Structures are given as structure tokens and as C-alpha cells.
Amino acid sequence: MLPLLLDVMEKDQGILSAAALKMPVITNTIIKRLQKAALADLSQVRQDMRQRGMKVYEERKTRLGVEVEFLCRGYHHKLSVLWGLVEAESEQRSYTYLGFDISDKRGNIN
């Protein structure tokens, strides 16, 4: 999901850079902070996957979500993730990277 999150951030950065924002420096700083954290996580995940003998060899975006085929210790597996879960996970990670606690049951961002 991290590559998808990075794609979204790159697209959003392009859209926001074309917009007439009142505080573009802050917006770009936030996106760069998110990208840096996501890239660090992605690097760690790739290292962990190599150590565990895992490799993603095909990823497809479909109308319903993302389908991934991967190799794990010599066995081939398929995984499908719906767009709703991709979006929720990306949002959760983004809040975490920014240091926000969204676990407050009243809906307040701390």
C-alpha cells in the first residue's frame, strides 16, 4: 500500500502546486514530510520482505481495488484489497506520519 500512498501524494502535490494556495510552503512541507516517512517505511518493508523470502511480482489496479501476486518462500499467492481499505489505510498512515492520534472515539483529532 505504500507505493499507492506515494503515488497519491505525488499527484496531490502536483495539483496543489498548480493551485493558488495562501500558504504553499506549509502545504509542500507537509507533503514532503509524508513522502519522507512513507519512503522510509517502504525501504524497511522491502528489506523485511527480502529477509523473509517474499517478492511482489505483479500488481494490478482494478475497478474494485488492487490485486497483487507475490512469492513467499517458494509459494505463489494472490491478494485482493478493495479501494475502501486502501483509502482507509493510507489515511491512517498519513495521520500517524504527521503525529496525529485519530483514535479518539468522539471524532476529535488530537
PDB file of N, CA and C in Angstrom:
ATOM      1  N   MET A   1       0.817  -1.203   0.000  1.00  0.00           N
ATOM      2  CA  MET A   1       0.000   0.000   0.000  1.00  0.00           C
ATOM      3  C   MET A   1       0.859   1.266   0.000  1.00  0.00           C
ATOM      4  N   LEU A   2       2.085   1.141   0.460  1.00  0.00           N
ATOM      5  CA  LEU A   2       2.952   2.314   0.498  1.00  0.00           C
ATOM      6  C   LEU A   2       3.224   2.906  -0.892  1.00  0.00           C
ATOM      7  N   PRO A   3       3.470   2.086  -1.918  1.00  0.00           N
ATOM      8  CA  PRO A   3       3.638   2.694  -3.245  1.00  0.00           C
ATOM      9  C   PRO A   3       2.385   3.450  -3.704  1.00  0.00           C
ATOM     10  N   LEU A   4       1.209   2.936  -3.360  1.00  0.00           N
ATOM     11  CA  LEU A   4      -0.029   3.630  -3.726  1.00  0.00           C
ATOM     12  C   LEU A   4      -0.139   4.953  -2.986  1.00  0.00           C
ATOM     13  N   LEU A   5       0.227   4.959  -1.707  1.00  0.00           N
ATOM     14  CA  LEU A   5       0.206   6.195  -0.916  1.00  0.00           C
ATOM     15  C   LEU A   5       1.165   7.224  -1.517  1.00  0.00           C
ATOM     16  N   LEU A   6       2.344   6.779  -1.910  1.00  0.00           N
ATOM     17  CA  LEU A   6       3.316   7.691  -2.527  1.00  0.00           C
ATOM     18  C   LEU A   6       2.793   8.245  -3.856  1.00  0.00           C
ATOM     19  N   ASP A   7       2.113   7.409  -4.636  1.00  0.00           N
ATOM     20  CA  ASP A   7       1.511   7.882  -5.892  1.00  0.00           C
ATOM     21  C   ASP A   7       0.479   8.968  -5.633  1.00  0.00           C
ATOM     22  N   VAL A   8      -0.347   8.757  -4.628  1.00  0.00           N
ATOM     23  CA  VAL A   8      -1.386   9.731  -4.285  1.00  0.00           C
ATOM     24  C   VAL A   8      -0.755  11.052  -3.845  1.00  0.00           C
ATOM     25  N   MET A   9       0.281  10.971  -3.015  1.00  0.00           N
ATOM     26  CA  MET A   9       0.948  12.198  -2.550  1.00  0.00           C
ATOM     27  C   MET A   9       1.580  12.962  -3.710  1.00  0.00           C
ATOM     28  N   GLU A  10       2.188  12.225  -4.638  1.00  0.00           N
ATOM     29  CA  GLU A  10       2.800  12.865  -5.803  1.00  0.00           C
ATOM     30  C   GLU A  10       1.740  13.579  -6.645  1.00  0.00           C
ATOM     31  N   LYS A  11       0.616  12.918  -6.852  1.00  0.00           N
ATOM     32  CA  LYS A  11      -0.473  13.520  -7.627  1.00  0.00           C
ATOM     33  C   LYS A  11      -1.034  14.748  -6.907  1.00  0.00           C
ATOM     34  N   ASP A  12      -1.260  14.617  -5.593  1.00  0.00           N
ATOM     35  CA  ASP A  12      -1.780  15.747  -4.824  1.00  0.00           C
ATOM     36  C   ASP A  12      -0.812  16.924  -4.836  1.00  0.00           C
ATOM     37  N   GLN A  13       0.475  16.636  -4.751  1.00  0.00           N
ATOM     38  CA  GLN A  13       1.469  17.711  -4.770  1.00  0.00           C
ATOM     39  C   GLN A  13       1.408  18.468  -6.096  1.00  0.00           C
ATOM     40  N   GLY A  14       1.235  17.736  -7.190  1.00  0.00           N
ATOM     41  CA  GLY A  14       1.108  18.377  -8.497  1.00  0.00           C
ATOM     42  C   GLY A  14      -0.128  19.254  -8.592  1.00  0.00           C
ATOM     43  N   ILE A  15      -1.236  18.746  -8.065  1.00  0.00           N
ATOM     44  CA  ILE A  15      -2.483  19.515  -8.080  1.00  0.00           C
ATOM     45  C   ILE A  15      -2.350  20.765  -7.218  1.00  0.00           C
ATOM     46  N   LEU A  16      -1.778  20.602  -6.033  1.00  0.00           N
ATOM     47  CA  LEU A  16      -1.657  21.738  -5.116  1.00  0.00           C
ATOM     48  C   LEU A  16      -0.649  22.772  -5.605  1.00  0.00           C
ATOM     49  N   SER A  17       0.393  22.336  -6.305  1.00  0.00           N
ATOM     50  CA  SER A  17       1.369  23.305  -6.792  1.00  0.00           C
ATOM     51  C   SER A  17       0.772  24.165  -7.909  1.00  0.00           C
ATOM     52  N   ALA A  18      -0.227  23.631  -8.602  1.00  0.00           N
ATOM     53  CA  ALA A  18      -0.890  24.395  -9.660  1.00  0.00           C
ATOM     54  C   ALA A  18      -1.971  25.321  -9.097  1.00  0.00           C
ATOM     55  N   ALA A  19      -2.386  25.070  -7.855  1.00  0.00           N
ATOM     56  CA  ALA A  19      -3.444  25.882  -7.240  1.00  0.00           C
ATOM     57  C   ALA A  19      -2.845  27.146  -6.627  1.00  0.00           C
ATOM     58  N   ALA A  20      -3.689  28.151  -6.486  1.00  0.00           N
ATOM     59  CA  ALA A  20      -3.264  29.400  -5.862  1.00  0.00           C
ATOM     60  C   ALA A  20      -3.511  29.304  -4.352  1.00  0.00           C
ATOM     61  N   LEU A  21      -2.577  28.668  -3.649  1.00  0.00           N
ATOM     62  CA  LEU A  21      -2.724  28.477  -2.207  1.00  0.00           C
ATOM     63  C   LEU A  21      -2.239  29.705  -1.448  1.00  0.00           C
ATOM     64  N   LYS A  22      -2.825  29.938  -0.301  1.00  0.00           N
ATOM     65  CA  LYS A  22      -2.407  31.055   0.549  1.00  0.00           C
ATOM     66  C   LYS A  22      -1.118  30.731   1.300  1.00  0.00           C
ATOM     67  N   MET A  23      -0.899  29.426   1.604  1.00  0.00           N
ATOM     68  CA  MET A  23       0.294  29.015   2.339  1.00  0.00           C
ATOM     69  C   MET A  23       0.949  27.806   1.654  1.00  0.00           C
ATOM     70  N   PRO A  24       1.498  28.007   0.460  1.00  0.00           N
ATOM     71  CA  PRO A  24       2.047  26.873  -0.286  1.00  0.00           C
ATOM     72  C   PRO A  24       3.258  26.225   0.378  1.00  0.00           C
ATOM     73  N   VAL A  25       4.036  26.984   1.114  1.00  0.00           N
ATOM     74  CA  VAL A  25       5.234  26.427   1.764  1.00  0.00           C
ATOM     75  C   VAL A  25       4.835  25.395   2.813  1.00  0.00           C
ATOM     76  N   ILE A  26       3.821  25.695   3.598  1.00  0.00           N
ATOM     77  CA  ILE A  26       3.362  24.765   4.628  1.00  0.00           C
ATOM     78  C   ILE A  26       2.802  23.498   3.983  1.00  0.00           C
ATOM     79  N   THR A  27       1.998  23.674   2.961  1.00  0.00           N
ATOM     80  CA  THR A  27       1.400  22.526   2.272  1.00  0.00           C
ATOM     81  C   THR A  27       2.479  21.619   1.686  1.00  0.00           C
ATOM     82  N   ASN A  28       3.460  22.202   1.012  1.00  0.00           N
ATOM     83  CA  ASN A  28       4.546  21.409   0.429  1.00  0.00           C
ATOM     84  C   ASN A  28       5.393  20.735   1.505  1.00  0.00           C
ATOM     85  N   THR A  29       5.597  21.411   2.622  1.00  0.00           N
ATOM     86  CA  THR A  29       6.365  20.832   3.731  1.00  0.00           C
ATOM     87  C   THR A  29       5.650  19.611   4.293  1.00  0.00           C
ATOM     88  N   ILE A  30       4.348  19.694   4.443  1.00  0.00           N
ATOM     89  CA  ILE A  30       3.569  18.561   4.969  1.00  0.00           C
ATOM     90  C   ILE A  30       3.656  17.378   4.009  1.00  0.00           C
ATOM     91  N   ILE A  31       3.486  17.632   2.720  1.00  0.00           N
ATOM     92  CA  ILE A  31       3.548  16.543   1.744  1.00  0.00           C
ATOM     93  C   ILE A  31       4.944  15.932   1.720  1.00  0.00           C
ATOM     94  N   LYS A  32       5.977  16.750   1.763  1.00  0.00           N
ATOM     95  CA  LYS A  32       7.346  16.215   1.771  1.00  0.00           C
ATOM     96  C   LYS A  32       7.611  15.385   3.025  1.00  0.00           C
ATOM     97  N   ARG A  33       7.065  15.807   4.160  1.00  0.00           N
ATOM     98  CA  ARG A  33       7.219  15.044   5.405  1.00  0.00           C
ATOM     99  C   ARG A  33       6.529  13.678   5.283  1.00  0.00           C
ATOM    100  N   LEU A  34       5.339  13.673   4.700  1.00  0.00           N
ATOM    101  CA  LEU A  34       4.626  12.419   4.477  1.00  0.00           C
ATOM    102  C   LEU A  34       5.408  11.507   3.532  1.00  0.00           C
ATOM    103  N   GLN A  35       5.930  12.072   2.452  1.00  0.00           N
ATOM    104  CA  GLN A  35       6.693  11.286   1.485  1.00  0.00           C
ATOM    105  C   GLN A  35       7.950  10.695   2.125  1.00  0.00           C
ATOM    106  N   LYS A  36       8.653  11.486   2.911  1.00  0.00           N
ATOM    107  CA  LYS A  36       9.882  11.017   3.562  1.00  0.00           C
ATOM    108  C   LYS A  36       9.580   9.846   4.501  1.00  0.00           C
ATOM    109  N   ALA A  37       8.507   9.960   5.280  1.00  0.00           N
ATOM    110  CA  ALA A  37       8.134   8.891   6.214  1.00  0.00           C
ATOM    111  C   ALA A  37       7.696   7.641   5.457  1.00  0.00           C
ATOM    112  N   ALA A  38       6.914   7.809   4.402  1.00  0.00           N
ATOM    113  CA  ALA A  38       6.444   6.666   3.627  1.00  0.00           C
ATOM    114  C   ALA A  38       7.608   5.966   2.920  1.00  0.00           C
ATOM    115  N   LEU A  39       8.562   6.733   2.395  1.00  0.00           N
ATOM    116  CA  LEU A  39       9.729   6.140   1.751  1.00  0.00           C
ATOM    117  C   LEU A  39      10.586   5.365   2.744  1.00  0.00           C
ATOM    118  N   ALA A  40      10.728   5.883   3.960  1.00  0.00           N
ATOM    119  CA  ALA A  40      11.484   5.179   4.991  1.00  0.00           C
ATOM    120  C   ALA A  40      10.798   3.862   5.338  1.00  0.00           C
ATOM    121  N   ASP A  41       9.473   3.890   5.489  1.00  0.00           N
ATOM    122  CA  ASP A  41       8.720   2.661   5.762  1.00  0.00           C
ATOM    123  C   ASP A  41       8.839   1.672   4.605  1.00  0.00           C
ATOM    124  N   LEU A  42       8.732   2.163   3.384  1.00  0.00           N
ATOM    125  CA  LEU A  42       8.813   1.304   2.211  1.00  0.00           C
ATOM    126  C   LEU A  42      10.177   0.623   2.134  1.00  0.00           C
ATOM    127  N   SER A  43      11.216   1.358   2.425  1.00  0.00           N
ATOM    128  CA  SER A  43      12.560   0.780   2.425  1.00  0.00           C
ATOM    129  C   SER A  43      12.664  -0.340   3.458  1.00  0.00           C
ATOM    130  N   GLN A  44      12.113  -0.104   4.644  1.00  0.00           N
ATOM    131  CA  GLN A  44      12.152  -1.121   5.705  1.00  0.00           C
ATOM    132  C   GLN A  44      11.312  -2.348   5.331  1.00  0.00           C
ATOM    133  N   VAL A  45      10.149  -2.117   4.754  1.00  0.00           N
ATOM    134  CA  VAL A  45       9.280  -3.228   4.346  1.00  0.00           C
ATOM    135  C   VAL A  45       9.964  -4.073   3.275  1.00  0.00           C
ATOM    136  N   ARG A  46      10.601  -3.423   2.307  1.00  0.00           N
ATOM    137  CA  ARG A  46      11.303  -4.171   1.255  1.00  0.00           C
ATOM    138  C   ARG A  46      12.445  -5.002   1.836  1.00  0.00           C
ATOM    139  N   GLN A  47      13.164  -4.433   2.786  1.00  0.00           N
ATOM    140  CA  GLN A  47      14.245  -5.168   3.442  1.00  0.00           C
ATOM    141  C   GLN A  47      13.691  -6.368   4.208  1.00  0.00           C
ATOM    142  N   ASP A  48      12.600  -6.157   4.940  1.00  0.00           N
ATOM    143  CA  ASP A  48      11.963  -7.248   5.688  1.00  0.00           C
ATOM    144  C   ASP A  48      11.459  -8.344   4.746  1.00  0.00           C
ATOM    145  N   MET A  49      10.890  -7.942   3.622  1.00  0.00           N
ATOM    146  CA  MET A  49      10.387  -8.924   2.653  1.00  0.00           C
ATOM    147  C   MET A  49      11.528  -9.767   2.091  1.00  0.00           C
ATOM    148  N   ARG A  50      12.648  -9.118   1.767  1.00  0.00           N
ATOM    149  CA  ARG A  50      13.803  -9.863   1.257  1.00  0.00           C
ATOM    150  C   ARG A  50      14.288 -10.882   2.281  1.00  0.00           C
ATOM    151  N   GLN A  51      14.346 -10.475   3.537  1.00  0.00           N
ATOM    152  CA  GLN A  51      14.804 -11.375   4.597  1.00  0.00           C
ATOM    153  C   GLN A  51      13.861 -12.553   4.790  1.00  0.00           C
ATOM    154  N   ARG A  52      12.584 -12.363   4.505  1.00  0.00           N
ATOM    155  CA  ARG A  52      11.590 -13.426   4.677  1.00  0.00           C
ATOM    156  C   ARG A  52      11.328 -14.216   3.392  1.00  0.00           C
ATOM    157  N   GLY A  53      12.059 -13.902   2.340  1.00  0.00           N
ATOM    158  CA  GLY A  53      11.898 -14.626   1.089  1.00  0.00           C
ATOM    159  C   GLY A  53      10.621 -14.290   0.360  1.00  0.00           C
ATOM    160  N   MET A  54      10.187 -13.026   0.435  1.00  0.00           N
ATOM    161  CA  MET A  54       8.952 -12.596  -0.217  1.00  0.00           C
ATOM    162  C   MET A  54       9.272 -11.630  -1.350  1.00  0.00           C
ATOM    163  N   LYS A  55       8.465 -11.717  -2.415  1.00  0.00           N
ATOM    164  CA  LYS A  55       8.635 -10.795  -3.530  1.00  0.00           C
ATOM    165  C   LYS A  55       7.302 -10.585  -4.238  1.00  0.00           C
ATOM    166  N   VAL A  56       6.922  -9.327  -4.399  1.00  0.00           N
ATOM    167  CA  VAL A  56       5.736  -8.987  -5.195  1.00  0.00           C
ATOM    168  C   VAL A  56       6.178  -8.945  -6.646  1.00  0.00           C
ATOM    169  N   TYR A  57       5.515  -9.733  -7.500  1.00  0.00           N
ATOM    170  CA  TYR A  57       5.921  -9.752  -8.900  1.00  0.00           C
ATOM    171  C   TYR A  57       4.854  -9.219  -9.841  1.00  0.00           C
ATOM    172  N   GLU A  58       3.655  -8.961  -9.350  1.00  0.00           N
ATOM    173  CA  GLU A  58       2.640  -8.346 -10.204  1.00  0.00           C
ATOM    174  C   GLU A  58       1.633  -7.587  -9.349  1.00  0.00           C
ATOM    175  N   GLU A  59       1.305  -6.396  -9.806  1.00  0.00           N
ATOM    176  CA  GLU A  59       0.310  -5.555  -9.125  1.00  0.00           C
ATOM    177  C   GLU A  59      -0.603  -4.979 -10.190  1.00  0.00           C
ATOM    178  N   ARG A  60      -1.911  -5.136  -9.988  1.00  0.00           N
ATOM    179  CA  ARG A  60      -2.901  -4.615 -10.929  1.00  0.00           C
ATOM    180  C   ARG A  60      -3.916  -3.768 -10.177  1.00  0.00           C
ATOM    181  N   LYS A  61      -4.201  -2.618 -10.753  1.00  0.00           N
ATOM    182  CA  LYS A  61      -5.278  -1.779 -10.232  1.00  0.00           C
ATOM    183  C   LYS A  61      -6.522  -2.124 -11.030  1.00  0.00           C
ATOM    184  N   THR A  62      -7.601  -2.455 -10.328  1.00  0.00           N
ATOM    185  CA  THR A  62      -8.848  -2.796 -10.988  1.00  0.00           C
ATOM    186  C   THR A  62      -9.920  -1.806 -10.564  1.00  0.00           C
ATOM    187  N   ARG A  63     -11.107  -2.012 -11.093  1.00  0.00           N
ATOM    188  CA  ARG A  63     -12.240  -1.154 -10.736  1.00  0.00           C
ATOM    189  C   ARG A  63     -12.579  -1.303  -9.248  1.00  0.00           C
ATOM    190  N   LEU A  64     -12.380  -2.486  -8.695  1.00  0.00           N
ATOM    191  CA  LEU A  64     -12.751  -2.765  -7.306  1.00  0.00           C
ATOM    192  C   LEU A  64     -11.634  -2.510  -6.304  1.00  0.00           C
ATOM    193  N   GLY A  65     -10.390  -2.585  -6.765  1.00  0.00           N
ATOM    194  CA  GLY A  65      -9.285  -2.407  -5.831  1.00  0.00           C
ATOM    195  C   GLY A  65      -7.954  -2.756  -6.460  1.00  0.00           C
ATOM    196  N   VAL A  66      -7.086  -3.331  -5.654  1.00  0.00           N
ATOM    197  CA  VAL A  66      -5.746  -3.688  -6.093  1.00  0.00           C
ATOM    198  C   VAL A  66      -5.573  -5.196  -5.929  1.00  0.00           C
ATOM    199  N   GLU A  67      -5.026  -5.831  -6.958  1.00  0.00           N
ATOM    200  CA  GLU A  67      -4.728  -7.254  -6.902  1.00  0.00           C
ATOM    201  C   GLU A  67      -3.218  -7.409  -6.982  1.00  0.00           C
ATOM    202  N   VAL A  68      -2.669  -8.219  -6.088  1.00  0.00           N
ATOM    203  CA  VAL A  68      -1.229  -8.417  -6.012  1.00  0.00           C
ATOM    204  C   VAL A  68      -0.932  -9.912  -6.069  1.00  0.00           C
ATOM    205  N   GLU A  69       0.072 -10.254  -6.849  1.00  0.00           N
ATOM    206  CA  GLU A  69       0.572 -11.622  -6.861  1.00  0.00           C
ATOM    207  C   GLU A  69       1.982 -11.567  -6.297  1.00  0.00           C
ATOM    208  N   PHE A  70       2.269 -12.497  -5.371  1.00  0.00           N
ATOM    209  CA  PHE A  70       3.574 -12.469  -4.729  1.00  0.00           C
ATOM    210  C   PHE A  70       4.075 -13.874  -4.447  1.00  0.00           C
ATOM    211  N   LEU A  71       5.360 -13.939  -4.231  1.00  0.00           N
ATOM    212  CA  LEU A  71       6.054 -15.180  -3.942  1.00  0.00           C
ATOM    213  C   LEU A  71       6.487 -15.137  -2.482  1.00  0.00           C
ATOM    214  N   CYS A  72       6.172 -16.187  -1.759  1.00  0.00           N
ATOM    215  CA  CYS A  72       6.569 -16.270  -0.353  1.00  0.00           C
ATOM    216  C   CYS A  72       7.138 -17.662  -0.091  1.00  0.00           C
ATOM    217  N   ARG A  73       8.434 -17.705   0.122  1.00  0.00           N
ATOM    218  CA  ARG A  73       9.138 -18.958   0.409  1.00  0.00           C
ATOM    219  C   ARG A  73       8.843 -20.051  -0.630  1.00  0.00           C
ATOM    220  N   GLY A  74       8.829 -19.646  -1.891  1.00  0.00           N
ATOM    221  CA  GLY A  74       8.634 -20.602  -2.969  1.00  0.00           C
ATOM    222  C   GLY A  74       7.196 -20.834  -3.390  1.00  0.00           C
ATOM    223  N   TYR A  75       6.244 -20.288  -2.671  1.00  0.00           N
ATOM    224  CA  TYR A  75       4.827 -20.467  -2.991  1.00  0.00           C
ATOM    225  C   TYR A  75       4.251 -19.181  -3.564  1.00  0.00           C
ATOM    226  N   HIS A  76       3.407 -19.329  -4.582  1.00  0.00           N
ATOM    227  CA  HIS A  76       2.755 -18.184  -5.214  1.00  0.00           C
ATOM    228  C   HIS A  76       1.416 -17.927  -4.529  1.00  0.00           C
ATOM    229  N   HIS A  77       1.135 -16.651  -4.263  1.00  0.00           N
ATOM    230  CA  HIS A  77      -0.107 -16.254  -3.599  1.00  0.00           C
ATOM    231  C   HIS A  77      -0.709 -15.060  -4.327  1.00  0.00           C
ATOM    232  N   LYS A  78      -2.020 -14.886  -4.141  1.00  0.00           N
ATOM    233  CA  LYS A  78      -2.734 -13.719  -4.670  1.00  0.00           C
ATOM    234  C   LYS A  78      -3.433 -13.029  -3.504  1.00  0.00           C
ATOM    235  N   LEU A  79      -3.500 -11.702  -3.596  1.00  0.00           N
ATOM    236  CA  LEU A  79      -4.169 -10.908  -2.573  1.00  0.00           C
ATOM    237  C   LEU A  79      -4.948  -9.805  -3.269  1.00  0.00           C
ATOM    238  N   SER A  80      -6.192  -9.634  -2.874  1.00  0.00           N
ATOM    239  CA  SER A  80      -7.020  -8.548  -3.397  1.00  0.00           C
ATOM    240  C   SER A  80      -7.413  -7.634  -2.255  1.00  0.00           C
ATOM    241  N   VAL A  81      -7.283  -6.335  -2.479  1.00  0.00           N
ATOM    242  CA  VAL A  81      -7.633  -5.348  -1.463  1.00  0.00           C
ATOM    243  C   VAL A  81      -8.577  -4.340  -2.105  1.00  0.00           C
ATOM    244  N   LEU A  82      -9.723  -4.117  -1.486  1.00  0.00           N
ATOM    245  CA  LEU A  82     -10.709  -3.164  -2.006  1.00  0.00           C
ATOM    246  C   LEU A  82     -10.215  -1.729  -1.818  1.00  0.00           C
ATOM    247  N   TRP A  83     -10.662  -0.840  -2.712  1.00  0.00           N
ATOM    248  CA  TRP A  83     -10.232   0.559  -2.653  1.00  0.00           C
ATOM    249  C   TRP A  83     -10.558   1.207  -1.312  1.00  0.00           C
ATOM    250  N   GLY A  84     -11.676   0.834  -0.705  1.00  0.00           N
ATOM    251  CA  GLY A  84     -12.038   1.416   0.586  1.00  0.00           C
ATOM    252  C   GLY A  84     -10.989   1.144   1.649  1.00  0.00           C
ATOM    253  N   LEU A  85     -10.444  -0.063   1.661  1.00  0.00           N
ATOM    254  CA  LEU A  85      -9.400  -0.412   2.626  1.00  0.00           C
ATOM    255  C   LEU A  85      -8.098   0.308   2.287  1.00  0.00           C
ATOM    256  N   VAL A  86      -7.776   0.407   1.006  1.00  0.00           N
ATOM    257  CA  VAL A  86      -6.571   1.131   0.590  1.00  0.00           C
ATOM    258  C   VAL A  86      -6.652   2.572   1.058  1.00  0.00           C
ATOM    259  N   GLU A  87      -7.806   3.186   0.848  1.00  0.00           N
ATOM    260  CA  GLU A  87      -8.002   4.581   1.244  1.00  0.00           C
ATOM    261  C   GLU A  87      -7.916   4.751   2.759  1.00  0.00           C
ATOM    262  N   ALA A  88      -8.573   3.870   3.500  1.00  0.00           N
ATOM    263  CA  ALA A  88      -8.562   3.964   4.966  1.00  0.00           C
ATOM    264  C   ALA A  88      -7.155   3.758   5.524  1.00  0.00           C
ATOM    265  N   GLU A  89      -6.441   2.785   5.000  1.00  0.00           N
ATOM    266  CA  GLU A  89      -5.074   2.518   5.458  1.00  0.00           C
ATOM    267  C   GLU A  89      -4.145   3.679   5.115  1.00  0.00           C
ATOM    268  N   SER A  90      -4.292   4.241   3.928  1.00  0.00           N
ATOM    269  CA  SER A  90      -3.466   5.378   3.522  1.00  0.00           C
ATOM    270  C   SER A  90      -3.727   6.583   4.412  1.00  0.00           C
ATOM    271  N   GLU A  91      -4.989   6.821   4.706  1.00  0.00           N
ATOM    272  CA  GLU A  91      -5.350   7.943   5.574  1.00  0.00           C
ATOM    273  C   GLU A  91      -4.797   7.740   6.986  1.00  0.00           C
ATOM    274  N   GLN A  92      -4.947   6.530   7.516  1.00  0.00           N
ATOM    275  CA  GLN A  92      -4.442   6.223   8.858  1.00  0.00           C
ATOM    276  C   GLN A  92      -2.927   6.427   8.921  1.00  0.00           C
ATOM    277  N   ARG A  93      -2.218   5.906   7.941  1.00  0.00           N
ATOM    278  CA  ARG A  93      -0.759   6.065   7.925  1.00  0.00           C
ATOM    279  C   ARG A  93      -0.367   7.540   7.819  1.00  0.00           C
ATOM    280  N   SER A  94      -1.080   8.303   7.019  1.00  0.00           N
ATOM    281  CA  SER A  94      -0.773   9.725   6.863  1.00  0.00           C
ATOM    282  C   SER A  94      -0.925  10.464   8.183  1.00  0.00           C
ATOM    283  N   TYR A  95      -2.006  10.198   8.897  1.00  0.00           N
ATOM    284  CA  TYR A  95      -2.194  10.819  10.210  1.00  0.00           C
ATOM    285  C   TYR A  95      -1.083  10.412  11.170  1.00  0.00           C
ATOM    286  N   THR A  96      -0.708   9.139  11.142  1.00  0.00           N
ATOM    287  CA  THR A  96       0.357   8.654  12.012  1.00  0.00           C
ATOM    288  C   THR A  96       1.679   9.335  11.686  1.00  0.00           C
ATOM    289  N   TYR A  97       1.999   9.444  10.393  1.00  0.00           N
ATOM    290  CA  TYR A  97       3.238  10.103   9.982  1.00  0.00           C
ATOM    291  C   TYR A  97       3.288  11.559  10.446  1.00  0.00           C
ATOM    292  N   LEU A  98       2.129  12.197  10.472  1.00  0.00           N
ATOM    293  CA  LEU A  98       2.072  13.598  10.901  1.00  0.00           C
ATOM    294  C   LEU A  98       1.990  13.748  12.420  1.00  0.00           C
ATOM    295  N   GLY A  99       1.885  12.621  13.122  1.00  0.00           N
ATOM    296  CA  GLY A  99       1.860  12.666  14.585  1.00  0.00           C
ATOM    297  C   GLY A  99       0.486  12.913  15.167  1.00  0.00           C
ATOM    298  N   PHE A 100      -0.565  12.698  14.398  1.00  0.00           N
ATOM    299  CA  PHE A 100      -1.928  12.876  14.899  1.00  0.00           C
ATOM    300  C   PHE A 100      -2.457  11.558  15.447  1.00  0.00           C
ATOM    301  N   ASP A 101      -3.165  11.634  16.560  1.00  0.00           N
ATOM    302  CA  ASP A 101      -3.826  10.464  17.137  1.00  0.00           C
ATOM    303  C   ASP A 101      -5.302  10.570  16.782  1.00  0.00           C
ATOM    304  N   ILE A 102      -5.751   9.699  15.884  1.00  0.00           N
ATOM    305  CA  ILE A 102      -7.159   9.761  15.476  1.00  0.00           C
ATOM    306  C   ILE A 102      -7.977   8.661  16.142  1.00  0.00           C
ATOM    307  N   SER A 103      -7.450   8.103  17.214  1.00  0.00           N
ATOM    308  CA  SER A 103      -8.152   7.022  17.902  1.00  0.00           C
ATOM    309  C   SER A 103      -9.209   7.538  18.866  1.00  0.00           C
ATOM    310  N   ASP A 104      -9.314   8.849  19.010  1.00  0.00           N
ATOM    311  CA  ASP A 104     -10.315   9.440  19.900  1.00  0.00           C
ATOM    312  C   ASP A 104     -11.707   9.048  19.411  1.00  0.00           C
ATOM    313  N   LYS A 105     -12.465   8.382  20.251  1.00  0.00           N
ATOM    314  CA  LYS A 105     -13.784   7.858  19.857  1.00  0.00           C
ATOM    315  C   LYS A 105     -14.818   8.963  19.612  1.00  0.00           C
ATOM    316  N   ARG A 106     -14.547  10.163  20.049  1.00  0.00           N
ATOM    317  CA  ARG A 106     -15.502  11.270  19.839  1.00  0.00           C
ATOM    318  C   ARG A 106     -15.318  11.913  18.476  1.00  0.00           C
ATOM    319  N   GLY A 107     -14.305  11.461  17.730  1.00  0.00           N
ATOM    320  CA  GLY A 107     -14.095  12.006  16.398  1.00  0.00           C
ATOM    321  C   GLY A 107     -13.167  13.205  16.379  1.00  0.00           C
ATOM    322  N   ASN A 108     -12.580  13.565  17.506  1.00  0.00           N
ATOM    323  CA  ASN A 108     -11.657  14.686  17.548  1.00  0.00           C
ATOM    324  C   ASN A 108     -10.255  14.233  17.152  1.00  0.00           C
ATOM    325  N   ILE A 109      -9.555  15.049  16.404  1.00  0.00           N
ATOM    326  CA  ILE A 109      -8.158  14.769  16.063  1.00  0.00           C
ATOM    327  C   ILE A 109      -7.308  15.430  17.122  1.00  0.00           C
ATOM    328  N   ASN A 110      -6.480  14.629  17.789  1.00  0.00           N
ATOM    329  CA  ASN A 110      -5.624  15.167  18.860  1.00  0.00           C
ATOM    330  C   ASN A 110      -4.266  15.541  18.342  1.00  0.00           C
TER     331      ASN A 110
END
